[in-house]
Amino acid sequence: MWSLQNSEPPRTLMGHRQRVQAIAFSPNGKLLISSGADKQVKLWRIETAEEIGKLKEQPSEVTAVAFSPNGKAFAVGRKDGAIRIYLSERR
């Protein structure tokens, strides 16, 4: 993450073991969800750049993620064609 408003060095979110496939920002801009070829889906707090949650390893690569417009749910799309919708406890 890199601030466009100042010259602070960028922060890197580390946690995936393989390439990142998709990311999405929550509607309120406080959270980020990421997915990767490592079959992981992770939830991050943007302000602190910390991982605050993750889903159980998926059976297939996760190629797409998206928050609902109200931020109360998110969707995960997998390479095997499955789409799963999860209710978000954090907002």
C-alpha atoms as a PDB file:
ATOM      1  CA  MET A   1       0.000   0.000   0.000  1.00  0.00           C
ATOM      2  CA  TRP A   2       1.254   3.428  -0.868  1.00  0.00           C
ATOM      3  CA  SER A   3      -0.058   6.778   0.297  1.00  0.00           C
ATOM      4  CA  LEU A   4      -0.605   9.219  -2.537  1.00  0.00           C
ATOM      5  CA  GLN A   5      -0.880  12.107  -0.064  1.00  0.00           C
ATOM      6  CA  ASN A   6       2.640  11.942   1.332  1.00  0.00           C
ATOM      7  CA  SER A   7       6.003  10.444   0.554  1.00  0.00           C
ATOM      8  CA  GLU A   8       5.875   7.587   3.053  1.00  0.00           C
ATOM      9  CA  PRO A   9       7.355   4.366   1.690  1.00  0.00           C
ATOM     10  CA  PRO A  10       4.793   1.778   0.580  1.00  0.00           C
ATOM     11  CA  ARG A  11       3.630  -0.928   2.993  1.00  0.00           C
ATOM     12  CA  THR A  12       3.542  -4.506   1.799  1.00  0.00           C
ATOM     13  CA  LEU A  13       0.959  -7.013   2.968  1.00  0.00           C
ATOM     14  CA  MET A  14       2.738 -10.338   3.316  1.00  0.00           C
ATOM     15  CA  GLY A  15       0.968 -13.647   3.788  1.00  0.00           C
ATOM     16  CA  HIS A  16       0.236 -15.511   0.567  1.00  0.00           C
ATOM     17  CA  ARG A  17       2.591 -18.367  -0.311  1.00  0.00           C
ATOM     18  CA  GLN A  18       1.952 -18.049  -4.063  1.00  0.00           C
ATOM     19  CA  ARG A  19       0.864 -15.295  -6.445  1.00  0.00           C
ATOM     20  CA  VAL A  20      -2.061 -13.080  -5.499  1.00  0.00           C
ATOM     21  CA  GLN A  21      -4.985 -13.596  -7.860  1.00  0.00           C
ATOM     22  CA  ALA A  22      -7.467 -10.911  -6.752  1.00  0.00           C
ATOM     23  CA  ILE A  23      -8.069  -8.144  -4.206  1.00  0.00           C
ATOM     24  CA  ALA A  24     -11.077  -6.037  -3.228  1.00  0.00           C
ATOM     25  CA  PHE A  25     -11.549  -3.079  -0.894  1.00  0.00           C
ATOM     26  CA  SER A  26     -14.538  -2.979   1.440  1.00  0.00           C
ATOM     27  CA  PRO A  27     -17.078  -0.227   0.694  1.00  0.00           C
ATOM     28  CA  ASN A  28     -15.980   1.748   3.776  1.00  0.00           C
ATOM     29  CA  GLY A  29     -12.311   1.492   2.747  1.00  0.00           C
ATOM     30  CA  LYS A  30     -11.203  -0.068   6.027  1.00  0.00           C
ATOM     31  CA  LEU A  31     -10.687  -3.679   4.918  1.00  0.00           C
ATOM     32  CA  LEU A  32      -9.069  -5.502   2.024  1.00  0.00           C
ATOM     33  CA  ILE A  33      -9.718  -9.073   0.974  1.00  0.00           C
ATOM     34  CA  SER A  34      -7.110 -10.971  -1.040  1.00  0.00           C
ATOM     35  CA  SER A  35      -6.985 -14.368  -2.704  1.00  0.00           C
ATOM     36  CA  GLY A  36      -4.264 -16.375  -4.296  1.00  0.00           C
ATOM     37  CA  ALA A  37      -3.029 -19.386  -6.154  1.00  0.00           C
ATOM     38  CA  ASP A  38      -2.233 -20.831  -2.707  1.00  0.00           C
ATOM     39  CA  LYS A  39      -6.008 -21.411  -2.274  1.00  0.00           C
ATOM     40  CA  GLN A  40      -6.102 -18.863   0.549  1.00  0.00           C
ATOM     41  CA  VAL A  41      -8.525 -15.980   1.169  1.00  0.00           C
ATOM     42  CA  LYS A  42      -7.295 -13.399   3.673  1.00  0.00           C
ATOM     43  CA  LEU A  43      -8.860 -10.350   5.285  1.00  0.00           C
ATOM     44  CA  TRP A  44      -6.641  -7.355   6.108  1.00  0.00           C
ATOM     45  CA  ARG A  45      -7.097  -4.169   8.137  1.00  0.00           C
ATOM     46  CA  ILE A  46      -5.826  -1.441   5.837  1.00  0.00           C
ATOM     47  CA  GLU A  47      -4.875   1.085   8.534  1.00  0.00           C
ATOM     48  CA  THR A  48      -2.460  -1.314  10.248  1.00  0.00           C
ATOM     49  CA  ALA A  49      -1.629  -3.635   7.310  1.00  0.00           C
ATOM     50  CA  GLU A  50      -2.356  -6.645   9.542  1.00  0.00           C
ATOM     51  CA  GLU A  51      -4.055  -9.890   8.603  1.00  0.00           C
ATOM     52  CA  ILE A  52      -7.187 -10.110  10.734  1.00  0.00           C
ATOM     53  CA  GLY A  53      -8.786 -13.245   9.344  1.00  0.00           C
ATOM     54  CA  LYS A  54      -8.707 -15.983   6.741  1.00  0.00           C
ATOM     55  CA  LEU A  55     -10.954 -18.656   5.334  1.00  0.00           C
ATOM     56  CA  LYS A  56     -10.236 -22.355   5.531  1.00  0.00           C
ATOM     57  CA  GLU A  57      -8.037 -23.365   2.582  1.00  0.00           C
ATOM     58  CA  GLN A  58     -10.186 -23.670  -0.526  1.00  0.00           C
ATOM     59  CA  PRO A  59     -10.226 -26.808  -2.733  1.00  0.00           C
ATOM     60  CA  SER A  60      -9.179 -24.781  -5.788  1.00  0.00           C
ATOM     61  CA  GLU A  61      -7.311 -21.540  -6.621  1.00  0.00           C
ATOM     62  CA  VAL A  62      -9.346 -18.456  -5.753  1.00  0.00           C
ATOM     63  CA  THR A  63      -9.430 -16.188  -8.787  1.00  0.00           C
ATOM     64  CA  ALA A  64     -11.981 -13.538  -7.743  1.00  0.00           C
ATOM     65  CA  VAL A  65     -13.187 -11.783  -4.602  1.00  0.00           C
ATOM     66  CA  ALA A  66     -15.741  -9.012  -4.067  1.00  0.00           C
ATOM     67  CA  PHE A  67     -17.536  -7.265  -1.210  1.00  0.00           C
ATOM     68  CA  SER A  68     -21.263  -6.622  -1.325  1.00  0.00           C
ATOM     69  CA  PRO A  69     -22.191  -2.920  -1.639  1.00  0.00           C
ATOM     70  CA  ASN A  70     -23.125  -2.740   2.068  1.00  0.00           C
ATOM     71  CA  GLY A  71     -19.951  -4.586   3.171  1.00  0.00           C
ATOM     72  CA  LYS A  72     -21.913  -7.239   5.087  1.00  0.00           C
ATOM     73  CA  ALA A  73     -20.953 -10.107   2.757  1.00  0.00           C
ATOM     74  CA  PHE A  74     -18.251 -11.074   0.316  1.00  0.00           C
ATOM     75  CA  ALA A  75     -18.061 -13.491  -2.580  1.00  0.00           C
ATOM     76  CA  VAL A  76     -15.244 -15.844  -3.551  1.00  0.00           C
ATOM     77  CA  GLY A  77     -14.869 -17.276  -7.056  1.00  0.00           C
ATOM     78  CA  ARG A  78     -12.738 -20.376  -7.550  1.00  0.00           C
ATOM     79  CA  LYS A  79     -10.956 -21.810 -10.566  1.00  0.00           C
ATOM     80  CA  ASP A  80     -13.094 -24.955 -10.321  1.00  0.00           C
ATOM     81  CA  GLY A  81     -16.149 -22.798 -11.158  1.00  0.00           C
ATOM     82  CA  ALA A  82     -17.592 -22.576  -7.647  1.00  0.00           C
ATOM     83  CA  ILE A  83     -18.771 -19.283  -6.174  1.00  0.00           C
ATOM     84  CA  ARG A  84     -19.288 -18.986  -2.436  1.00  0.00           C
ATOM     85  CA  ILE A  85     -20.859 -16.137  -0.502  1.00  0.00           C
ATOM     86  CA  TYR A  86     -19.827 -15.447   3.083  1.00  0.00           C
ATOM     87  CA  LEU A  87     -21.383 -13.130   5.644  1.00  0.00           C
ATOM     88  CA  SER A  88     -18.818 -10.722   7.021  1.00  0.00           C
ATOM     89  CA  GLU A  89     -18.710 -10.225  10.787  1.00  0.00           C
ATOM     90  CA  ARG A  90     -16.292  -7.299  10.457  1.00  0.00           C
ATOM     91  CA  ARG A  91     -17.200  -3.980   8.885  1.00  0.00           C
END
